[in-house]
Amino acid sequence: MTYVKLGFAGVLALMAGVAQADEFEAYGTTEGWNVYVDTSKNSCFVEAVDESENVVQMGLTTDRGVGYVGAFTKAETDIKKDETKAVAILIGDDIYTGDATGMRGNITKGYSGGYVLSDDPKFFEDIAKQYTMTVFPEKKYAFVVNLKGTYKALEMAKECNQKLVQ
């Protein structure tokens, strides 16, 4: 097992239900993942919603230098604005660690969760090639994110981003 300390920080926010937002345009769908264009950031991201209505999003920051992964739930959480908490993410044989910072106010009603930011290509390679991601917040609970179809979804998002910068 490999332990990797990433230079990533989390921002706890939510854009669940993006298909309804004016600044997001549908680009395509593959293996249960939707790809959207964020017209305000001129960037593409992927989103999936599971049977429990949990939302997972992945994309690039505005400067395209850092990628993000977000996971959101309707389950009860204790996320507080500006509070920083440690998080560990297990993907395959690799454990990635970092911090998450709470943020409230711009969250779709009923959801909470967080984004982690990373510029480590291995992190996103693991996400694309593995089937589950287990997230261990600082609290006593953990949750598993299904990564089925992420490889094709991330490839579609790359294609989408390339078209935007041409």
Protein backbone atom coordinates (compact mmCIF):
# COMPACT_ATOMS: atom_id res chain seq x y z
CA MET A 1 0.00 0.00 0.00
CA THR A 2 1.30 3.44 -0.92
CA TYR A 3 0.63 6.53 1.19
CA VAL A 4 0.76 9.81 -0.66
CA LYS A 5 0.53 13.24 0.96
CA LEU A 6 -1.00 15.49 -1.64
CA GLY A 7 -0.84 19.22 -1.83
CA PHE A 8 -4.62 19.34 -2.02
CA ALA A 9 -7.20 21.24 -0.11
CA GLY A 10 -10.91 20.64 -0.05
CA VAL A 11 -13.64 23.18 -0.48
CA LEU A 12 -17.00 21.98 0.77
CA ALA A 13 -19.61 23.19 -1.70
CA LEU A 14 -22.20 21.68 -4.00
CA MET A 15 -23.53 22.14 -7.48
CA ALA A 16 -25.78 19.04 -7.51
CA GLY A 17 -28.44 19.10 -10.13
CA VAL A 18 -26.25 21.02 -12.54
CA ALA A 19 -28.38 20.21 -15.55
CA GLN A 20 -30.87 22.79 -14.29
CA ALA A 21 -28.35 25.61 -13.85
CA ASP A 22 -28.08 28.26 -16.59
CA GLU A 23 -24.26 28.26 -16.63
CA PHE A 24 -24.04 24.51 -17.37
CA GLU A 25 -24.64 22.94 -20.76
CA ALA A 26 -24.94 19.21 -21.40
CA TYR A 27 -22.04 17.88 -23.50
CA GLY A 28 -22.57 14.11 -23.43
CA THR A 29 -23.23 10.96 -21.43
CA THR A 30 -21.24 7.76 -21.01
CA GLU A 31 -21.57 4.77 -18.67
CA GLY A 32 -23.75 6.58 -16.14
CA TRP A 33 -21.72 9.80 -16.13
CA ASN A 34 -22.88 13.14 -17.54
CA VAL A 35 -20.36 15.59 -18.98
CA TYR A 36 -21.18 19.30 -18.71
CA VAL A 37 -19.65 22.54 -19.94
CA ASP A 38 -19.41 25.18 -17.22
CA THR A 39 -19.86 28.23 -19.45
CA SER A 40 -18.85 30.65 -16.68
CA LYS A 41 -15.44 28.92 -16.28
CA ASN A 42 -15.08 27.72 -19.88
CA SER A 43 -14.29 24.25 -18.53
CA CYS A 44 -15.88 20.79 -18.58
CA PHE A 45 -16.66 18.43 -15.71
CA VAL A 46 -18.30 15.04 -15.14
CA GLU A 47 -21.10 14.17 -12.74
CA ALA A 48 -22.86 10.98 -11.63
CA VAL A 49 -25.73 10.43 -9.22
CA ASP A 50 -26.09 7.02 -7.53
CA GLU A 51 -29.24 5.20 -6.42
CA SER A 52 -29.07 6.92 -3.00
CA GLU A 53 -28.95 10.35 -4.71
CA ASN A 54 -25.28 10.86 -3.75
CA VAL A 55 -23.50 13.08 -6.28
CA VAL A 56 -19.89 12.78 -7.51
CA GLN A 57 -18.28 15.49 -9.66
CA MET A 58 -14.82 15.75 -11.26
CA GLY A 59 -13.27 18.52 -13.30
CA LEU A 60 -10.61 21.20 -13.54
CA THR A 61 -10.18 24.51 -11.76
CA THR A 62 -10.56 27.71 -13.79
CA ASP A 63 -6.83 27.87 -14.57
CA ARG A 64 -6.89 24.16 -15.55
CA GLY A 65 -3.83 23.56 -13.36
CA VAL A 66 -5.60 21.53 -10.69
CA GLY A 67 -8.27 18.84 -10.83
CA TYR A 68 -11.06 18.36 -8.33
CA VAL A 69 -13.23 15.51 -7.11
CA GLY A 70 -16.39 16.23 -5.15
CA ALA A 71 -18.72 13.88 -3.28
CA PHE A 72 -22.05 15.02 -1.82
CA THR A 73 -24.81 13.40 0.15
CA LYS A 74 -28.24 14.06 1.58
CA ALA A 75 -27.17 12.12 4.69
CA GLU A 76 -26.69 14.04 7.93
CA THR A 77 -23.23 15.61 8.25
CA ASP A 78 -21.62 18.07 10.64
CA ILE A 79 -19.86 20.26 8.07
CA LYS A 80 -19.25 23.78 9.33
CA LYS A 81 -18.23 26.86 7.37
CA ASP A 82 -14.46 27.51 7.31
CA GLU A 83 -13.72 24.48 9.51
CA THR A 84 -10.75 22.43 8.25
CA LYS A 85 -10.74 18.67 8.66
CA ALA A 86 -8.33 15.95 7.60
CA VAL A 87 -9.45 13.48 4.95
CA ALA A 88 -7.93 10.30 3.58
CA ILE A 89 -8.95 8.72 0.28
CA LEU A 90 -8.22 5.09 -0.56
CA ILE A 91 -8.14 4.25 -4.28
CA GLY A 92 -6.76 0.84 -5.18
CA ASP A 93 -3.55 0.38 -3.18
CA ASP A 94 -2.91 4.10 -2.71
CA ILE A 95 -4.00 6.31 0.18
CA TYR A 96 -4.10 10.06 -0.46
CA THR A 97 -4.30 12.47 2.48
CA GLY A 98 -5.09 16.15 2.76
CA ASP A 99 -7.45 18.69 4.30
CA ALA A 100 -11.03 19.71 3.62
CA THR A 101 -12.41 23.14 4.48
CA GLY A 102 -16.10 23.57 5.22
CA MET A 103 -18.24 26.05 3.34
CA ARG A 104 -21.99 26.68 3.55
CA GLY A 105 -24.42 28.89 1.73
CA ASN A 106 -23.98 28.01 -1.95
CA ILE A 107 -25.11 24.42 -1.55
CA THR A 108 -28.11 22.80 -3.24
CA LYS A 109 -30.78 22.35 -0.59
CA GLY A 110 -30.41 19.15 1.38
CA TYR A 111 -26.88 18.28 0.27
CA SER A 112 -23.50 18.55 1.96
CA GLY A 113 -20.09 17.21 1.07
CA GLY A 114 -16.79 18.36 -0.28
CA TYR A 115 -14.27 18.83 -3.02
CA VAL A 116 -10.64 17.80 -2.88
CA LEU A 117 -8.17 19.48 -5.21
CA SER A 118 -5.05 17.79 -6.56
CA ASP A 119 -2.35 18.30 -9.16
CA ASP A 120 -1.05 14.71 -8.75
CA PRO A 121 -1.57 12.81 -12.05
CA LYS A 122 -1.42 9.47 -10.15
CA PHE A 123 -4.51 10.49 -8.14
CA PHE A 124 -6.58 10.94 -11.31
CA GLU A 125 -5.06 7.86 -12.96
CA ASP A 126 -6.23 5.82 -9.96
CA ILE A 127 -9.71 7.37 -10.19
CA ALA A 128 -9.93 6.53 -13.90
CA LYS A 129 -8.72 2.95 -13.55
CA GLN A 130 -10.14 1.76 -10.22
CA TYR A 131 -13.73 0.83 -9.44
CA THR A 132 -14.22 2.33 -5.98
CA MET A 133 -12.90 5.21 -3.91
CA THR A 134 -13.27 5.06 -0.13
CA VAL A 135 -13.31 8.43 1.62
CA PHE A 136 -12.34 8.65 5.30
CA PRO A 137 -13.21 12.04 6.78
CA GLU A 138 -11.76 12.97 10.15
CA LYS A 139 -14.97 11.70 11.78
CA LYS A 140 -15.76 8.06 12.53
CA TYR A 141 -17.69 7.33 9.33
CA ALA A 142 -16.42 6.49 5.85
CA PHE A 143 -18.18 6.20 2.53
CA VAL A 144 -17.49 4.44 -0.74
CA VAL A 145 -17.84 6.12 -4.13
CA ASN A 146 -18.51 3.95 -7.17
CA LEU A 147 -16.02 4.84 -9.93
CA LYS A 148 -17.52 2.62 -12.63
CA GLY A 149 -17.27 4.36 -15.98
CA THR A 150 -14.91 7.14 -14.85
CA TYR A 151 -12.26 6.33 -17.47
CA LYS A 152 -14.60 6.96 -20.40
CA ALA A 153 -16.23 9.94 -18.66
CA LEU A 154 -12.87 11.60 -17.99
CA GLU A 155 -11.80 10.94 -21.58
CA MET A 156 -14.98 12.65 -22.78
CA ALA A 157 -14.30 15.59 -20.44
CA LYS A 158 -10.74 15.88 -21.86
CA GLU A 159 -12.17 15.99 -25.38
CA CYS A 160 -14.70 18.61 -24.24
CA ASN A 161 -11.95 20.75 -22.65
CA GLN A 162 -9.77 20.50 -25.77
CA LYS A 163 -12.65 21.77 -27.91
CA LEU A 164 -13.14 24.72 -25.56
CA VAL A 165 -9.54 25.93 -25.84
CA GLN A 166 -9.32 25.66 -29.65
